[in-house]
Amino acid sequence: IRHLKTSHWERKRQQDRVRRVKAALGAAALPVILSDTHIVPVAVGDPAHCKAASDLLLSDHDIYIQPINYPTVAKGTERLRITPTPCHEDIMIDRLAAALFDVWNRLGLPR
């Protein structure tokens, strides 16, 4: 805690990682929901597809992303919640974008 009170590296790095994830997902034409927080939500819009996307990311790409469904969000606004950390490197972010692109195509999800 003392370290984080005096160091700004972690906060700046996380903000940079969030911007990088948003840019990579935007370049892949994925439906990123605008947010001013460190959470990068990606719209799915259907609970079954949301779970299926999360399951495919884990089983086929070894990436876990939390599916967010009703009652946490309103019905019809289901999403995947991505939370980049300061430790996520560019190669990881690029791999994430490619994996999401693959899953979106396989499930025929709207962009």
C-alpha atoms as a PDB file:
ATOM      1  CA  ILE A   1       0.000   0.000   0.000  1.00  0.00           C
ATOM      2  CA  ARG A   2       2.838   2.395   0.822  1.00  0.00           C
ATOM      3  CA  HIS A   3       4.351   1.764  -2.591  1.00  0.00           C
ATOM      4  CA  LEU A   4       1.109   2.522  -4.429  1.00  0.00           C
ATOM      5  CA  LYS A   5       0.674   5.754  -2.467  1.00  0.00           C
ATOM      6  CA  THR A   6       3.903   7.095  -3.950  1.00  0.00           C
ATOM      7  CA  SER A   7       4.188   5.292  -7.293  1.00  0.00           C
ATOM      8  CA  HIS A   8       2.180   6.406 -10.294  1.00  0.00           C
ATOM      9  CA  TRP A   9       3.609   3.812 -12.692  1.00  0.00           C
ATOM     10  CA  GLU A  10       0.932   1.200 -12.007  1.00  0.00           C
ATOM     11  CA  ARG A  11      -1.970   3.606 -12.519  1.00  0.00           C
ATOM     12  CA  LYS A  12      -0.503   5.078 -15.716  1.00  0.00           C
ATOM     13  CA  ARG A  13       0.367   1.636 -17.044  1.00  0.00           C
ATOM     14  CA  GLN A  14      -3.151   0.334 -16.384  1.00  0.00           C
ATOM     15  CA  GLN A  15      -4.661   3.344 -18.151  1.00  0.00           C
ATOM     16  CA  ASP A  16      -2.315   2.701 -21.073  1.00  0.00           C
ATOM     17  CA  ARG A  17      -3.326  -0.970 -21.189  1.00  0.00           C
ATOM     18  CA  VAL A  18      -7.018  -0.050 -21.185  1.00  0.00           C
ATOM     19  CA  ARG A  19      -6.451   2.320 -24.131  1.00  0.00           C
ATOM     20  CA  ARG A  20      -4.471  -0.387 -25.933  1.00  0.00           C
ATOM     21  CA  VAL A  21      -7.210  -3.004 -25.427  1.00  0.00           C
ATOM     22  CA  LYS A  22      -9.901  -0.593 -26.647  1.00  0.00           C
ATOM     23  CA  ALA A  23      -7.830   0.235 -29.733  1.00  0.00           C
ATOM     24  CA  ALA A  24      -7.130  -3.429 -30.542  1.00  0.00           C
ATOM     25  CA  LEU A  25     -10.768  -4.435 -30.140  1.00  0.00           C
ATOM     26  CA  GLY A  26     -11.923  -1.424 -32.148  1.00  0.00           C
ATOM     27  CA  ALA A  27      -9.515  -2.350 -34.953  1.00  0.00           C
ATOM     28  CA  ALA A  28     -11.077  -5.834 -34.947  1.00  0.00           C
ATOM     29  CA  ALA A  29     -14.541  -4.230 -35.310  1.00  0.00           C
ATOM     30  CA  LEU A  30     -15.707  -5.653 -31.976  1.00  0.00           C
ATOM     31  CA  PRO A  31     -18.593  -3.888 -30.185  1.00  0.00           C
ATOM     32  CA  VAL A  32     -16.772  -2.192 -27.303  1.00  0.00           C
ATOM     33  CA  ILE A  33     -19.130  -0.293 -25.010  1.00  0.00           C
ATOM     34  CA  LEU A  34     -17.821   3.184 -24.191  1.00  0.00           C
ATOM     35  CA  SER A  35     -16.600   3.415 -20.609  1.00  0.00           C
ATOM     36  CA  ASP A  36     -14.458   5.831 -18.622  1.00  0.00           C
ATOM     37  CA  THR A  37     -13.376   3.121 -16.177  1.00  0.00           C
ATOM     38  CA  HIS A  38     -10.667   0.465 -16.248  1.00  0.00           C
ATOM     39  CA  ILE A  39     -13.292  -2.087 -17.330  1.00  0.00           C
ATOM     40  CA  VAL A  40     -13.644  -2.706 -21.077  1.00  0.00           C
ATOM     41  CA  PRO A  41     -17.130  -4.119 -21.742  1.00  0.00           C
ATOM     42  CA  VAL A  42     -17.816  -5.869 -25.046  1.00  0.00           C
ATOM     43  CA  ALA A  43     -21.500  -6.085 -26.017  1.00  0.00           C
ATOM     44  CA  VAL A  44     -22.970  -9.518 -26.727  1.00  0.00           C
ATOM     45  CA  GLY A  45     -26.683  -8.874 -26.130  1.00  0.00           C
ATOM     46  CA  ASP A  46     -27.807 -12.439 -25.424  1.00  0.00           C
ATOM     47  CA  PRO A  47     -27.186 -14.562 -22.298  1.00  0.00           C
ATOM     48  CA  ALA A  48     -26.640 -17.859 -24.131  1.00  0.00           C
ATOM     49  CA  HIS A  49     -24.195 -16.291 -26.583  1.00  0.00           C
ATOM     50  CA  CYS A  50     -22.447 -14.462 -23.754  1.00  0.00           C
ATOM     51  CA  LYS A  51     -21.784 -17.727 -21.915  1.00  0.00           C
ATOM     52  CA  ALA A  52     -20.862 -19.493 -25.160  1.00  0.00           C
ATOM     53  CA  ALA A  53     -18.344 -16.761 -26.013  1.00  0.00           C
ATOM     54  CA  SER A  54     -16.784 -16.975 -22.560  1.00  0.00           C
ATOM     55  CA  ASP A  55     -16.656 -20.779 -22.773  1.00  0.00           C
ATOM     56  CA  LEU A  56     -15.039 -20.745 -26.245  1.00  0.00           C
ATOM     57  CA  LEU A  57     -12.450 -18.208 -25.178  1.00  0.00           C
ATOM     58  CA  LEU A  58     -11.451 -20.475 -22.303  1.00  0.00           C
ATOM     59  CA  SER A  59     -11.613 -23.838 -24.081  1.00  0.00           C
ATOM     60  CA  ASP A  60     -10.081 -22.815 -27.409  1.00  0.00           C
ATOM     61  CA  HIS A  61      -7.866 -19.857 -26.529  1.00  0.00           C
ATOM     62  CA  ASP A  62      -7.001 -20.334 -22.821  1.00  0.00           C
ATOM     63  CA  ILE A  63      -8.414 -16.880 -22.043  1.00  0.00           C
ATOM     64  CA  TYR A  64     -10.918 -16.358 -19.247  1.00  0.00           C
ATOM     65  CA  ILE A  65     -13.267 -13.398 -19.557  1.00  0.00           C
ATOM     66  CA  GLN A  66     -16.180 -12.961 -17.181  1.00  0.00           C
ATOM     67  CA  PRO A  67     -19.614 -13.073 -18.852  1.00  0.00           C
ATOM     68  CA  ILE A  68     -21.975 -10.480 -17.365  1.00  0.00           C
ATOM     69  CA  ASN A  69     -25.670 -11.327 -17.545  1.00  0.00           C
ATOM     70  CA  TYR A  70     -28.976 -10.343 -15.945  1.00  0.00           C
ATOM     71  CA  PRO A  71     -29.502  -9.306 -13.136  1.00  0.00           C
ATOM     72  CA  THR A  72     -26.087  -7.602 -13.094  1.00  0.00           C
ATOM     73  CA  VAL A  73     -27.010  -5.877 -16.361  1.00  0.00           C
ATOM     74  CA  ALA A  74     -30.407  -5.398 -18.015  1.00  0.00           C
ATOM     75  CA  LYS A  75     -31.719  -8.182 -20.235  1.00  0.00           C
ATOM     76  CA  GLY A  76     -30.532  -7.665 -23.792  1.00  0.00           C
ATOM     77  CA  THR A  77     -27.333  -5.883 -22.678  1.00  0.00           C
ATOM     78  CA  GLU A  78     -25.278  -8.959 -21.783  1.00  0.00           C
ATOM     79  CA  ARG A  79     -21.562  -8.444 -22.223  1.00  0.00           C
ATOM     80  CA  LEU A  80     -18.076  -9.704 -21.618  1.00  0.00           C
ATOM     81  CA  ARG A  81     -16.125  -7.734 -19.033  1.00  0.00           C
ATOM     82  CA  ILE A  82     -12.425  -7.290 -19.742  1.00  0.00           C
ATOM     83  CA  THR A  83     -10.210  -5.848 -17.015  1.00  0.00           C
ATOM     84  CA  PRO A  84      -6.704  -5.101 -18.303  1.00  0.00           C
ATOM     85  CA  THR A  85      -3.921  -4.914 -15.737  1.00  0.00           C
ATOM     86  CA  PRO A  86      -0.526  -3.204 -15.802  1.00  0.00           C
ATOM     87  CA  CYS A  87       1.037  -6.640 -16.404  1.00  0.00           C
ATOM     88  CA  HIS A  88      -0.732  -7.304 -19.714  1.00  0.00           C
ATOM     89  CA  GLU A  89       1.789  -7.007 -22.548  1.00  0.00           C
ATOM     90  CA  ASP A  90       1.026  -5.977 -26.140  1.00  0.00           C
ATOM     91  CA  ILE A  91       1.332  -9.561 -27.382  1.00  0.00           C
ATOM     92  CA  MET A  92      -1.307 -10.661 -24.856  1.00  0.00           C
ATOM     93  CA  ILE A  93      -3.650  -7.889 -25.955  1.00  0.00           C
ATOM     94  CA  ASP A  94      -3.166  -8.772 -29.622  1.00  0.00           C
ATOM     95  CA  ARG A  95      -3.867 -12.425 -28.809  1.00  0.00           C
ATOM     96  CA  LEU A  96      -7.024 -11.404 -26.952  1.00  0.00           C
ATOM     97  CA  ALA A  97      -8.269  -9.342 -29.909  1.00  0.00           C
ATOM     98  CA  ALA A  98      -7.599 -12.220 -32.324  1.00  0.00           C
ATOM     99  CA  ALA A  99      -9.367 -14.692 -30.020  1.00  0.00           C
ATOM    100  CA  LEU A 100     -12.413 -12.446 -29.654  1.00  0.00           C
ATOM    101  CA  PHE A 101     -12.494 -11.905 -33.426  1.00  0.00           C
ATOM    102  CA  ASP A 102     -12.484 -15.695 -33.911  1.00  0.00           C
ATOM    103  CA  VAL A 103     -15.232 -16.265 -31.339  1.00  0.00           C
ATOM    104  CA  TRP A 104     -17.394 -13.470 -32.792  1.00  0.00           C
ATOM    105  CA  ASN A 105     -17.107 -15.038 -36.241  1.00  0.00           C
ATOM    106  CA  ARG A 106     -17.782 -18.584 -35.033  1.00  0.00           C
ATOM    107  CA  LEU A 107     -20.874 -17.567 -33.071  1.00  0.00           C
ATOM    108  CA  GLY A 108     -22.092 -15.083 -35.698  1.00  0.00           C
ATOM    109  CA  LEU A 109     -22.319 -12.305 -33.119  1.00  0.00           C
ATOM    110  CA  PRO A 110     -23.272  -8.777 -34.184  1.00  0.00           C
ATOM    111  CA  ARG A 111     -20.552  -6.162 -34.421  1.00  0.00           C
END
